[in-house]
Amino acid sequence: MFCPYCGKEVKEGAKLCPYCGKSMQADELKSSETSAEKPMTIASLVPYRKGDKWGFSDENKNIVIPLLYDNAISFSEGLAAVELNGKWGYIDTKGTQYWED
């Protein structure tokens, strides 16, 4: 499972994230639930890196938003900041991109 605050992988059943120290006891983080049993939430999308590219995955490491970006920051208020080719913009939970001109 992943920490919804810092996006790092945390051992199953951990009470606190060893990286950022936040509590992992929130109801939506129960490991007994599967993504099929609950709707996708912002907290369940975490930055995921493979090689030098970033995307977003669910807590089961299923890629939800493709690994396209040079950098990515966790979701907040429905948007996540992403960098692509030296330019920063935002994406929503469906992967729709919003770039400033």
Protein backbone atom coordinates (compact mmCIF):
# COMPACT_ATOMS: atom_id res chain seq x y z
CA MET A 1 0.00 0.00 0.00
CA PHE A 2 1.07 3.60 -0.45
CA CYS A 3 0.98 6.61 1.85
CA PRO A 4 -1.69 9.02 0.52
CA TYR A 5 0.33 11.97 1.83
CA CYS A 6 3.87 11.38 0.51
CA GLY A 7 3.19 8.61 -2.05
CA LYS A 8 5.86 6.22 -0.77
CA GLU A 9 5.27 2.50 -0.46
CA VAL A 10 4.52 1.43 3.12
CA LYS A 11 4.32 -2.07 4.60
CA GLU A 12 0.82 -3.51 4.86
CA GLY A 13 -0.64 -2.86 8.33
CA ALA A 14 1.67 0.05 9.21
CA LYS A 15 0.12 2.51 11.67
CA LEU A 16 2.37 5.41 10.62
CA CYS A 17 4.18 6.19 7.38
CA PRO A 18 7.91 5.72 8.11
CA TYR A 19 8.74 8.50 5.61
CA CYS A 20 6.41 11.37 6.50
CA GLY A 21 5.06 10.20 9.88
CA LYS A 22 1.37 10.61 8.98
CA SER A 23 -1.23 8.18 10.33
CA MET A 24 -2.18 5.30 8.07
CA GLN A 25 -5.31 4.43 10.10
CA ALA A 26 -7.87 6.38 8.06
CA ASP A 27 -10.97 4.37 7.16
CA GLU A 28 -10.33 4.69 3.42
CA LEU A 29 -6.92 3.03 3.81
CA LYS A 30 -8.15 -0.28 5.23
CA SER A 31 -6.18 -2.98 3.43
CA SER A 32 -9.12 -5.39 3.60
CA GLU A 33 -11.01 -3.29 1.05
CA THR A 34 -10.27 -3.59 -2.64
CA SER A 35 -10.55 -0.85 -5.22
CA ALA A 36 -13.52 -2.72 -6.72
CA GLU A 37 -15.40 -2.32 -3.43
CA LYS A 38 -14.92 1.44 -3.12
CA PRO A 39 -14.91 4.34 -5.57
CA MET A 40 -11.60 5.89 -6.66
CA THR A 41 -10.70 8.74 -4.36
CA ILE A 42 -7.97 11.33 -4.57
CA ALA A 43 -6.28 9.76 -1.54
CA SER A 44 -6.07 6.44 -3.39
CA LEU A 45 -4.07 7.93 -6.29
CA VAL A 46 -0.38 8.24 -5.49
CA PRO A 47 2.61 9.34 -7.56
CA TYR A 48 4.34 6.33 -9.09
CA ARG A 49 7.76 6.36 -10.75
CA LYS A 50 9.30 3.81 -13.06
CA GLY A 51 12.71 4.70 -14.45
CA ASP A 52 12.68 8.44 -14.98
CA LYS A 53 8.94 8.85 -15.68
CA TRP A 54 6.07 9.53 -13.28
CA GLY A 55 2.38 8.71 -13.36
CA PHE A 56 -0.18 7.78 -10.73
CA SER A 57 -1.27 4.42 -9.38
CA ASP A 58 -3.83 3.11 -6.96
CA GLU A 59 -2.77 1.55 -3.66
CA ASN A 60 -2.42 -1.83 -5.41
CA LYS A 61 0.18 -0.44 -7.85
CA ASN A 62 -2.25 -0.50 -10.78
CA ILE A 63 -1.32 2.36 -13.09
CA VAL A 64 -4.30 4.72 -13.33
CA ILE A 65 -2.61 7.70 -15.02
CA PRO A 66 0.18 6.68 -17.44
CA LEU A 67 3.87 7.20 -16.70
CA LEU A 68 4.38 10.24 -18.92
CA TYR A 69 5.71 12.96 -16.66
CA ASP A 70 9.19 14.13 -15.65
CA ASN A 71 7.97 14.95 -12.13
CA ALA A 72 4.71 14.64 -10.18
CA ILE A 73 3.34 15.91 -6.87
CA SER A 74 0.48 14.32 -4.92
CA PHE A 75 -3.16 15.31 -5.49
CA SER A 76 -4.65 18.18 -3.53
CA GLU A 77 -8.17 19.51 -4.01
CA GLY A 78 -8.69 17.32 -7.08
CA LEU A 79 -5.51 18.29 -8.96
CA ALA A 80 -1.90 17.12 -9.03
CA ALA A 81 1.04 19.20 -10.24
CA VAL A 82 3.07 17.54 -13.00
CA GLU A 83 6.12 18.52 -15.03
CA LEU A 84 6.59 17.63 -18.68
CA ASN A 85 9.46 18.87 -20.85
CA GLY A 86 10.39 21.57 -18.33
CA LYS A 87 6.85 22.95 -18.11
CA TRP A 88 4.58 22.58 -15.04
CA GLY A 89 0.84 22.07 -15.23
CA TYR A 90 -1.93 20.13 -13.50
CA ILE A 91 -3.90 16.95 -14.09
CA ASP A 92 -7.19 15.83 -12.61
CA THR A 93 -7.99 12.30 -11.38
CA LYS A 94 -9.00 11.27 -14.91
CA GLY A 95 -5.65 12.40 -16.33
CA THR A 96 -6.99 15.49 -18.10
CA GLN A 97 -4.11 17.95 -18.47
CA TYR A 98 -4.25 21.66 -17.70
CA TRP A 99 -1.24 23.73 -18.85
CA GLU A 100 -0.57 27.42 -18.37
CA ASP A 101 0.39 29.38 -21.49
